[in-house]
Structure formats: C-alpha cells, structure tokens
Amino acid sequence: MVRAIYPGSFDPVTNGHLDIIERACKVFDHLTVAVLGNPRKISLFKMEERVSMLKTIAKKFSNVEVDYYDGLLIDYADKINANIIVKGLRAVSDFEIEFQMALANRNLNPKVETMFLMSNNIYSFISSSIVKEVAGYGGNIKDMVPMEVHQIIVEKINSFKND
C-alpha cells in the first residue's frame, strides 16, 4: 500500500490545498493531510481549528485522514509508515524551497520520496497569506477557500479586525 503525506500549515485551508488533496487521493492508496505545528510561526487559527476545517472538507474522500504533528516531517512519515511526501507547487519560488526540503528529507531517510504536484493554474495565486490579507480588508474570498469552511474563516478574520 502506498501511503502519502500532504503536510502544511493550512492557516487557513484554501481551494489550492483542496485541489492538491483531491488529486493526490486519486494517486495514492492512503493520504494523510498533516497540519504542521511550527513554534516559529504565528498562526491565525489554532491547531484544533485547522484540523477541524480540514476534516470537514476531507469527509468526502474515503482514503484521506487528517492529523497534526510537531517536529520533523520525516520522523512523522516514519511513524505512520508513509513513503511519499506530497508537495504542491504554485511558482518557481515554491520549487526552490521545496527542493531543498526534499533533499534534506532524502538525506534523513532515503526510503521516503517527495512528489510535487503543480497547482491548478486557477489557484496558482492563492495562498493562506493572500486569503488572510484579502479578507482582512473586507474583500471577497469566496473563490479562494472551500465553501464548507468559508464562513468559519471570514468570522475568525473579522473577529481579529474588531479587536
């Protein structure tokens, strides 16, 4: 069985993330969407909120589970017996960073491969940061985030604007 991990901060989840999940779950027997706990990064959404949003959108996929991890991704891959790391790429700048991480992971565990999926061009401009920026100024993010979690994202961002 081919087990893959799609890691990320998902702060918040976007339609670009959903696109990668939909495509990766067609390729692999099992896909774990793993939310990264990164102490060096200040997140808008708590870990539990990010996991909950992802579980909401992942319900429709029988071979997708959502989890979270702290520490090295390669250690987490070993823990769940995953042999593939899936990374989405939007632009050349993404490739440079992801290429370095893929090489570091291969150095740490040569049994785990990294596979890159190119973003669908309609989502290539979307990032969690762009979503937060647009929503923070009252812009419409309806086409940027999954319908099932749109209202949750808007309410959270609005709650910070009003503080």
N, C-alpha and C. Protein backbone atom coordinates (compact mmCIF):
# COMPACT_ATOMS: atom_id res chain seq x y z
N MET A 1 0.84 -1.19 0.00
CA MET A 1 0.00 0.00 0.00
C MET A 1 0.88 1.24 0.00
N VAL A 2 0.54 2.19 -0.84
CA VAL A 2 1.29 3.44 -0.93
C VAL A 2 0.61 4.48 -0.05
N ARG A 3 1.32 4.87 1.00
CA ARG A 3 0.82 5.87 1.95
C ARG A 3 1.56 7.18 1.70
N ALA A 4 0.82 8.25 1.58
CA ALA A 4 1.42 9.56 1.34
C ALA A 4 0.98 10.55 2.41
N ILE A 5 1.81 11.57 2.58
CA ILE A 5 1.51 12.68 3.50
C ILE A 5 1.49 13.96 2.69
N TYR A 6 0.47 14.77 2.94
CA TYR A 6 0.43 16.12 2.39
C TYR A 6 0.52 17.07 3.59
N PRO A 7 1.72 17.60 3.87
CA PRO A 7 1.91 18.45 5.04
C PRO A 7 1.71 19.93 4.73
N GLY A 8 1.39 20.68 5.77
CA GLY A 8 1.31 22.12 5.60
C GLY A 8 0.80 22.78 6.86
N SER A 9 0.80 24.11 6.84
CA SER A 9 0.27 24.83 7.99
C SER A 9 -1.25 25.02 7.85
N PHE A 10 -1.73 25.15 6.61
CA PHE A 10 -3.17 25.25 6.35
C PHE A 10 -3.83 26.32 7.23
N ASP A 11 -3.24 27.52 7.22
CA ASP A 11 -3.69 28.60 8.10
C ASP A 11 -4.21 29.80 7.31
N PRO A 12 -5.38 29.73 6.69
CA PRO A 12 -6.36 28.65 6.66
C PRO A 12 -6.21 27.79 5.40
N VAL A 13 -7.02 26.74 5.34
CA VAL A 13 -7.07 25.89 4.16
C VAL A 13 -7.64 26.70 3.00
N THR A 14 -7.12 26.46 1.80
CA THR A 14 -7.56 27.20 0.60
C THR A 14 -8.06 26.21 -0.46
N ASN A 15 -8.63 26.75 -1.52
CA ASN A 15 -9.03 25.90 -2.64
C ASN A 15 -7.82 25.26 -3.32
N GLY A 16 -6.68 25.91 -3.24
CA GLY A 16 -5.45 25.31 -3.76
C GLY A 16 -5.08 24.06 -2.98
N HIS A 17 -5.20 24.12 -1.66
CA HIS A 17 -4.94 22.94 -0.83
C HIS A 17 -5.93 21.84 -1.18
N LEU A 18 -7.21 22.20 -1.29
CA LEU A 18 -8.24 21.21 -1.61
C LEU A 18 -7.96 20.55 -2.96
N ASP A 19 -7.52 21.32 -3.93
CA ASP A 19 -7.19 20.78 -5.24
C ASP A 19 -6.08 19.72 -5.13
N ILE A 20 -5.05 20.01 -4.35
CA ILE A 20 -3.95 19.03 -4.18
C ILE A 20 -4.47 17.78 -3.47
N ILE A 21 -5.32 17.95 -2.46
CA ILE A 21 -5.88 16.80 -1.75
C ILE A 21 -6.69 15.94 -2.72
N GLU A 22 -7.56 16.55 -3.49
CA GLU A 22 -8.40 15.82 -4.44
C GLU A 22 -7.56 15.04 -5.44
N ARG A 23 -6.52 15.64 -5.95
CA ARG A 23 -5.69 14.99 -6.96
C ARG A 23 -4.80 13.91 -6.34
N ALA A 24 -4.24 14.19 -5.16
CA ALA A 24 -3.35 13.21 -4.52
C ALA A 24 -4.10 11.97 -4.06
N CYS A 25 -5.33 12.13 -3.62
CA CYS A 25 -6.06 10.95 -3.12
C CYS A 25 -6.46 10.02 -4.26
N LYS A 26 -6.38 10.49 -5.50
CA LYS A 26 -6.62 9.63 -6.66
C LYS A 26 -5.37 8.82 -7.02
N VAL A 27 -4.21 9.30 -6.59
CA VAL A 27 -2.94 8.67 -6.94
C VAL A 27 -2.48 7.66 -5.89
N PHE A 28 -2.76 7.96 -4.63
CA PHE A 28 -2.24 7.14 -3.53
C PHE A 28 -3.35 6.36 -2.84
N ASP A 29 -3.00 5.22 -2.30
CA ASP A 29 -3.97 4.39 -1.58
C ASP A 29 -4.50 5.09 -0.34
N HIS A 30 -3.60 5.81 0.33
CA HIS A 30 -3.97 6.49 1.57
C HIS A 30 -3.23 7.82 1.63
N LEU A 31 -3.94 8.88 1.97
CA LEU A 31 -3.34 10.21 2.09
C LEU A 31 -3.62 10.76 3.47
N THR A 32 -2.56 11.12 4.17
CA THR A 32 -2.70 11.81 5.45
C THR A 32 -2.41 13.28 5.22
N VAL A 33 -3.38 14.12 5.49
CA VAL A 33 -3.18 15.58 5.45
C VAL A 33 -2.71 15.94 6.85
N ALA A 34 -1.47 16.37 6.95
CA ALA A 34 -0.85 16.60 8.26
C ALA A 34 -0.61 18.09 8.49
N VAL A 35 -1.22 18.60 9.53
CA VAL A 35 -1.08 20.02 9.89
C VAL A 35 0.18 20.19 10.72
N LEU A 36 1.02 21.08 10.28
CA LEU A 36 2.30 21.34 10.92
C LEU A 36 2.13 22.25 12.13
N GLY A 37 2.70 21.83 13.23
CA GLY A 37 2.81 22.70 14.39
C GLY A 37 4.19 23.34 14.36
N ASN A 38 4.27 24.61 14.04
CA ASN A 38 5.55 25.29 13.88
C ASN A 38 5.65 26.41 14.92
N PRO A 39 6.45 26.22 15.96
CA PRO A 39 6.54 27.24 17.01
C PRO A 39 7.15 28.57 16.54
N ARG A 40 7.83 28.57 15.39
CA ARG A 40 8.43 29.80 14.88
C ARG A 40 7.44 30.63 14.06
N LYS A 41 6.24 30.08 13.83
CA LYS A 41 5.26 30.75 13.01
C LYS A 41 4.02 31.07 13.85
N ILE A 42 3.58 32.32 13.78
CA ILE A 42 2.37 32.72 14.50
C ILE A 42 1.18 32.44 13.58
N SER A 43 0.29 31.58 14.03
CA SER A 43 -0.87 31.20 13.23
C SER A 43 -2.10 31.98 13.66
N LEU A 44 -2.95 32.28 12.70
CA LEU A 44 -4.23 32.91 13.00
C LEU A 44 -5.19 31.89 13.61
N PHE A 45 -5.21 30.70 13.03
CA PHE A 45 -6.10 29.65 13.51
C PHE A 45 -5.33 28.69 14.41
N LYS A 46 -5.97 28.28 15.49
CA LYS A 46 -5.36 27.30 16.39
C LYS A 46 -5.27 25.96 15.67
N MET A 47 -4.37 25.12 16.15
CA MET A 47 -4.18 23.80 15.56
C MET A 47 -5.52 23.06 15.43
N GLU A 48 -6.31 23.08 16.51
CA GLU A 48 -7.58 22.36 16.52
C GLU A 48 -8.53 22.89 15.45
N GLU A 49 -8.51 24.20 15.22
CA GLU A 49 -9.37 24.80 14.20
C GLU A 49 -8.95 24.39 12.80
N ARG A 50 -7.64 24.37 12.57
CA ARG A 50 -7.14 23.97 11.25
C ARG A 50 -7.46 22.50 10.97
N VAL A 51 -7.26 21.65 11.98
CA VAL A 51 -7.58 20.23 11.83
C VAL A 51 -9.07 20.05 11.58
N SER A 52 -9.89 20.76 12.31
CA SER A 52 -11.35 20.66 12.15
C SER A 52 -11.79 21.08 10.75
N MET A 53 -11.25 22.19 10.24
CA MET A 53 -11.61 22.63 8.89
C MET A 53 -11.21 21.59 7.86
N LEU A 54 -10.02 21.04 8.01
CA LEU A 54 -9.57 20.02 7.06
C LEU A 54 -10.41 18.76 7.14
N LYS A 55 -10.80 18.36 8.35
CA LYS A 55 -11.67 17.18 8.49
C LYS A 55 -13.01 17.43 7.81
N THR A 56 -13.51 18.65 7.91
CA THR A 56 -14.77 18.99 7.27
C THR A 56 -14.68 18.81 5.76
N ILE A 57 -13.62 19.30 5.14
CA ILE A 57 -13.52 19.19 3.68
C ILE A 57 -13.06 17.81 3.23
N ALA A 58 -12.42 17.04 4.12
CA ALA A 58 -11.90 15.72 3.75
C ALA A 58 -12.93 14.60 3.90
N LYS A 59 -14.08 14.91 4.48
CA LYS A 59 -15.12 13.90 4.71
C LYS A 59 -15.50 13.14 3.44
N LYS A 60 -15.46 13.82 2.32
CA LYS A 60 -15.92 13.22 1.07
C LYS A 60 -14.92 12.26 0.45
N PHE A 61 -13.73 12.14 1.03
CA PHE A 61 -12.70 11.26 0.48
C PHE A 61 -12.50 10.06 1.41
N SER A 62 -12.73 8.87 0.91
CA SER A 62 -12.66 7.68 1.76
C SER A 62 -11.23 7.31 2.16
N ASN A 63 -10.25 7.75 1.41
CA ASN A 63 -8.86 7.37 1.69
C ASN A 63 -8.01 8.52 2.25
N VAL A 64 -8.68 9.54 2.80
CA VAL A 64 -7.97 10.69 3.36
C VAL A 64 -8.26 10.79 4.85
N GLU A 65 -7.19 10.97 5.62
CA GLU A 65 -7.34 11.26 7.04
C GLU A 65 -6.60 12.56 7.34
N VAL A 66 -6.97 13.21 8.42
CA VAL A 66 -6.35 14.45 8.83
C VAL A 66 -5.72 14.24 10.19
N ASP A 67 -4.49 14.72 10.34
CA ASP A 67 -3.76 14.57 11.59
C ASP A 67 -2.91 15.83 11.77
N TYR A 68 -2.17 15.89 12.85
CA TYR A 68 -1.25 17.00 13.08
C TYR A 68 0.05 16.43 13.64
N TYR A 69 1.10 17.23 13.54
CA TYR A 69 2.39 16.78 14.07
C TYR A 69 3.24 17.97 14.46
N ASP A 70 4.14 17.70 15.38
CA ASP A 70 5.19 18.64 15.76
C ASP A 70 6.51 17.94 15.49
N GLY A 71 7.50 18.66 15.12
CA GLY A 71 8.81 18.05 14.90
C GLY A 71 9.11 17.88 13.43
N LEU A 72 10.04 16.96 13.15
CA LEU A 72 10.47 16.73 11.78
C LEU A 72 9.44 15.93 11.01
N LEU A 73 9.11 16.39 9.82
CA LEU A 73 8.16 15.69 8.96
C LEU A 73 8.64 14.27 8.67
N ILE A 74 9.91 14.10 8.46
CA ILE A 74 10.45 12.79 8.10
C ILE A 74 10.26 11.80 9.25
N ASP A 75 10.31 12.27 10.49
CA ASP A 75 10.03 11.40 11.64
C ASP A 75 8.56 11.01 11.67
N TYR A 76 7.69 11.96 11.35
CA TYR A 76 6.27 11.67 11.30
C TYR A 76 5.96 10.66 10.19
N ALA A 77 6.61 10.81 9.04
CA ALA A 77 6.43 9.86 7.93
C ALA A 77 6.79 8.45 8.39
N ASP A 78 7.89 8.33 9.11
CA ASP A 78 8.31 7.03 9.62
C ASP A 78 7.28 6.49 10.61
N LYS A 79 6.77 7.35 11.47
CA LYS A 79 5.80 6.95 12.49
C LYS A 79 4.53 6.35 11.88
N ILE A 80 4.05 6.92 10.76
CA ILE A 80 2.82 6.43 10.15
C ILE A 80 3.07 5.54 8.94
N ASN A 81 4.32 5.17 8.72
CA ASN A 81 4.71 4.29 7.60
C ASN A 81 4.35 4.88 6.24
N ALA A 82 4.54 6.16 6.08
CA ALA A 82 4.31 6.81 4.79
C ALA A 82 5.61 6.80 3.99
N ASN A 83 5.49 6.55 2.70
CA ASN A 83 6.70 6.53 1.88
C ASN A 83 6.74 7.64 0.84
N ILE A 84 5.73 8.50 0.83
CA ILE A 84 5.69 9.62 -0.11
C ILE A 84 5.27 10.89 0.65
N ILE A 85 5.96 11.99 0.35
CA ILE A 85 5.56 13.32 0.81
C ILE A 85 5.07 14.07 -0.42
N VAL A 86 3.85 14.58 -0.35
CA VAL A 86 3.26 15.33 -1.46
C VAL A 86 3.40 16.82 -1.17
N LYS A 87 3.89 17.54 -2.16
CA LYS A 87 4.02 18.99 -2.03
C LYS A 87 3.39 19.65 -3.25
N GLY A 88 2.60 20.69 -3.01
CA GLY A 88 2.03 21.46 -4.10
C GLY A 88 2.94 22.62 -4.45
N LEU A 89 3.06 22.88 -5.73
CA LEU A 89 3.91 23.98 -6.21
C LEU A 89 3.08 24.97 -7.00
N ARG A 90 3.18 26.26 -6.64
CA ARG A 90 2.47 27.30 -7.37
C ARG A 90 3.39 28.04 -8.33
N ALA A 91 4.65 28.21 -7.95
CA ALA A 91 5.56 29.03 -8.74
C ALA A 91 6.99 28.51 -8.56
N VAL A 92 7.89 29.07 -9.34
CA VAL A 92 9.30 28.67 -9.25
C VAL A 92 9.85 28.92 -7.85
N SER A 93 9.41 29.99 -7.21
CA SER A 93 9.88 30.29 -5.85
C SER A 93 9.51 29.16 -4.88
N ASP A 94 8.33 28.55 -5.05
CA ASP A 94 7.96 27.40 -4.22
C ASP A 94 8.93 26.24 -4.46
N PHE A 95 9.28 26.03 -5.73
CA PHE A 95 10.15 24.91 -6.07
C PHE A 95 11.49 24.99 -5.36
N GLU A 96 12.09 26.15 -5.33
CA GLU A 96 13.41 26.31 -4.71
C GLU A 96 13.39 25.88 -3.24
N ILE A 97 12.40 26.33 -2.50
CA ILE A 97 12.29 25.99 -1.08
C ILE A 97 11.98 24.51 -0.91
N GLU A 98 10.99 24.02 -1.67
CA GLU A 98 10.56 22.62 -1.54
C GLU A 98 11.65 21.66 -2.01
N PHE A 99 12.43 22.05 -3.01
CA PHE A 99 13.53 21.21 -3.48
C PHE A 99 14.57 21.02 -2.38
N GLN A 100 14.92 22.08 -1.68
CA GLN A 100 15.87 21.98 -0.57
C GLN A 100 15.33 21.07 0.53
N MET A 101 14.04 21.23 0.86
CA MET A 101 13.46 20.39 1.91
C MET A 101 13.41 18.93 1.47
N ALA A 102 13.10 18.69 0.20
CA ALA A 102 13.06 17.31 -0.31
C ALA A 102 14.43 16.66 -0.21
N LEU A 103 15.48 17.41 -0.54
CA LEU A 103 16.84 16.86 -0.45
C LEU A 103 17.23 16.60 1.01
N ALA A 104 16.85 17.50 1.90
CA ALA A 104 17.15 17.29 3.32
C ALA A 104 16.41 16.06 3.84
N ASN A 105 15.14 15.91 3.45
CA ASN A 105 14.38 14.74 3.88
C ASN A 105 14.97 13.45 3.32
N ARG A 106 15.40 13.48 2.07
CA ARG A 106 16.01 12.29 1.47
C ARG A 106 17.31 11.94 2.19
N ASN A 107 18.04 12.95 2.61
CA ASN A 107 19.28 12.71 3.36
C ASN A 107 18.97 12.05 4.71
N LEU A 108 17.88 12.49 5.34
CA LEU A 108 17.50 11.94 6.64
C LEU A 108 16.88 10.55 6.53
N ASN A 109 16.14 10.30 5.44
CA ASN A 109 15.53 8.98 5.24
C ASN A 109 15.34 8.74 3.75
N PRO A 110 16.28 8.01 3.12
CA PRO A 110 16.20 7.79 1.67
C PRO A 110 15.02 6.92 1.23
N LYS A 111 14.30 6.32 2.16
CA LYS A 111 13.15 5.48 1.81
C LYS A 111 11.90 6.31 1.53
N VAL A 112 11.92 7.58 1.89
CA VAL A 112 10.76 8.45 1.69
C VAL A 112 11.05 9.39 0.52
N GLU A 113 10.18 9.36 -0.47
CA GLU A 113 10.31 10.21 -1.65
C GLU A 113 9.39 11.43 -1.53
N THR A 114 9.76 12.50 -2.20
CA THR A 114 8.90 13.68 -2.29
C THR A 114 8.38 13.77 -3.71
N MET A 115 7.08 13.97 -3.84
CA MET A 115 6.47 14.15 -5.16
C MET A 115 5.81 15.52 -5.20
N PHE A 116 6.03 16.22 -6.29
CA PHE A 116 5.49 17.55 -6.47
C PHE A 116 4.28 17.51 -7.40
N LEU A 117 3.22 18.19 -7.01
CA LEU A 117 2.05 18.38 -7.87
C LEU A 117 1.96 19.86 -8.18
N MET A 118 1.89 20.16 -9.46
CA MET A 118 1.75 21.55 -9.87
C MET A 118 0.34 22.02 -9.54
N SER A 119 0.25 23.22 -9.05
CA SER A 119 -1.05 23.82 -8.74
C SER A 119 -1.86 23.97 -10.01
N ASN A 120 -3.16 23.82 -9.89
CA ASN A 120 -4.05 24.16 -10.98
C ASN A 120 -3.89 25.66 -11.21
N ASN A 121 -3.79 26.08 -12.47
CA ASN A 121 -3.49 27.49 -12.74
C ASN A 121 -4.53 28.45 -12.17
N ILE A 122 -5.77 28.00 -11.96
CA ILE A 122 -6.77 28.91 -11.40
C ILE A 122 -6.54 29.18 -9.91
N TYR A 123 -5.68 28.34 -9.28
CA TYR A 123 -5.37 28.54 -7.87
C TYR A 123 -3.93 28.99 -7.63
N SER A 124 -3.19 29.22 -8.68
CA SER A 124 -1.75 29.46 -8.54
C SER A 124 -1.41 30.74 -7.77
N PHE A 125 -2.34 31.67 -7.69
CA PHE A 125 -2.07 32.92 -6.96
C PHE A 125 -2.53 32.84 -5.51
N ILE A 126 -3.26 31.79 -5.15
CA ILE A 126 -3.86 31.71 -3.81
C ILE A 126 -2.88 31.12 -2.80
N SER A 127 -2.77 31.79 -1.69
CA SER A 127 -2.01 31.29 -0.54
C SER A 127 -2.82 31.63 0.70
N SER A 128 -2.51 30.99 1.79
CA SER A 128 -3.19 31.32 3.05
C SER A 128 -2.96 32.78 3.41
N SER A 129 -1.77 33.28 3.14
CA SER A 129 -1.46 34.70 3.44
C SER A 129 -2.33 35.65 2.61
N ILE A 130 -2.51 35.33 1.34
CA ILE A 130 -3.35 36.16 0.46
C ILE A 130 -4.80 36.14 0.97
N VAL A 131 -5.28 34.96 1.35
CA VAL A 131 -6.64 34.85 1.87
C VAL A 131 -6.82 35.75 3.09
N LYS A 132 -5.88 35.68 4.02
CA LYS A 132 -5.97 36.50 5.24
C LYS A 132 -5.89 37.98 4.91
N GLU A 133 -5.04 38.34 3.99
CA GLU A 133 -4.89 39.75 3.60
C GLU A 133 -6.17 40.29 2.96
N VAL A 134 -6.69 39.55 1.98
CA VAL A 134 -7.89 40.00 1.28
C VAL A 134 -9.07 40.08 2.25
N ALA A 135 -9.28 39.02 3.04
CA ALA A 135 -10.40 39.01 3.99
C ALA A 135 -10.23 40.09 5.05
N GLY A 136 -9.00 40.33 5.46
CA GLY A 136 -8.74 41.35 6.48
C GLY A 136 -9.15 42.75 6.06
N TYR A 137 -9.15 42.99 4.74
CA TYR A 137 -9.57 44.29 4.22
C TYR A 137 -11.00 44.24 3.68
N GLY A 138 -11.72 43.17 4.04
CA GLY A 138 -13.13 43.07 3.65
C GLY A 138 -13.37 42.57 2.25
N GLY A 139 -12.33 42.05 1.60
CA GLY A 139 -12.50 41.54 0.24
C GLY A 139 -13.19 40.18 0.23
N ASN A 140 -13.67 39.81 -0.93
CA ASN A 140 -14.40 38.56 -1.12
C ASN A 140 -13.41 37.40 -1.33
N ILE A 141 -13.48 36.40 -0.44
CA ILE A 141 -12.59 35.24 -0.55
C ILE A 141 -13.36 33.98 -0.96
N LYS A 142 -14.59 34.16 -1.39
CA LYS A 142 -15.46 33.01 -1.71
C LYS A 142 -14.82 32.05 -2.72
N ASP A 143 -14.11 32.55 -3.70
CA ASP A 143 -13.49 31.69 -4.71
C ASP A 143 -12.10 31.20 -4.29
N MET A 144 -11.66 31.58 -3.10
CA MET A 144 -10.32 31.20 -2.64
C MET A 144 -10.32 30.06 -1.62
N VAL A 145 -11.43 29.86 -0.95
CA VAL A 145 -11.48 28.86 0.12
C VAL A 145 -12.65 27.91 -0.09
N PRO A 146 -12.54 26.69 0.46
CA PRO A 146 -13.65 25.73 0.30
C PRO A 146 -14.95 26.28 0.89
N MET A 147 -16.03 26.05 0.18
CA MET A 147 -17.35 26.53 0.58
C MET A 147 -17.71 26.09 2.00
N GLU A 148 -17.34 24.85 2.35
CA GLU A 148 -17.71 24.30 3.65
C GLU A 148 -17.11 25.05 4.84
N VAL A 149 -16.01 25.76 4.61
CA VAL A 149 -15.34 26.45 5.72
C VAL A 149 -15.25 27.96 5.51
N HIS A 150 -15.85 28.46 4.44
CA HIS A 150 -15.79 29.89 4.11
C HIS A 150 -16.22 30.76 5.28
N GLN A 151 -17.39 30.47 5.84
CA GLN A 151 -17.94 31.31 6.91
C GLN A 151 -17.06 31.28 8.16
N ILE A 152 -16.51 30.11 8.48
CA ILE A 152 -15.62 29.99 9.64
C ILE A 152 -14.41 30.90 9.48
N ILE A 153 -13.85 30.90 8.28
CA ILE A 153 -12.65 31.71 8.00
C ILE A 153 -13.00 33.20 8.08
N VAL A 154 -14.09 33.60 7.46
CA VAL A 154 -14.49 35.01 7.46
C VAL A 154 -14.75 35.48 8.89
N GLU A 155 -15.47 34.70 9.67
CA GLU A 155 -15.77 35.09 11.06
C GLU A 155 -14.51 35.22 11.90
N LYS A 156 -13.57 34.30 11.73
CA LYS A 156 -12.32 34.37 12.51
C LYS A 156 -11.53 35.62 12.15
N ILE A 157 -11.40 35.89 10.87
CA ILE A 157 -10.64 37.06 10.44
C ILE A 157 -11.34 38.34 10.88
N ASN A 158 -12.66 38.38 10.79
CA ASN A 158 -13.42 39.55 11.25
C ASN A 158 -13.29 39.76 12.75
N SER A 159 -13.21 38.67 13.51
CA SER A 159 -13.07 38.81 14.96
C SER A 159 -11.75 39.49 15.33
N PHE A 160 -10.71 39.29 14.53
CA PHE A 160 -9.43 39.94 14.79
C PHE A 160 -9.44 41.39 14.33
N LYS A 161 -10.20 41.69 13.31
CA LYS A 161 -10.32 43.07 12.84
C LYS A 161 -11.02 43.93 13.87
N ASN A 162 -11.97 43.32 14.60
CA ASN A 162 -12.78 44.08 15.56
C ASN A 162 -12.14 44.18 16.94
N ASP A 163 -11.04 43.52 17.15
CA ASP A 163 -10.35 43.58 18.47
C ASP A 163 -9.51 44.83 18.61
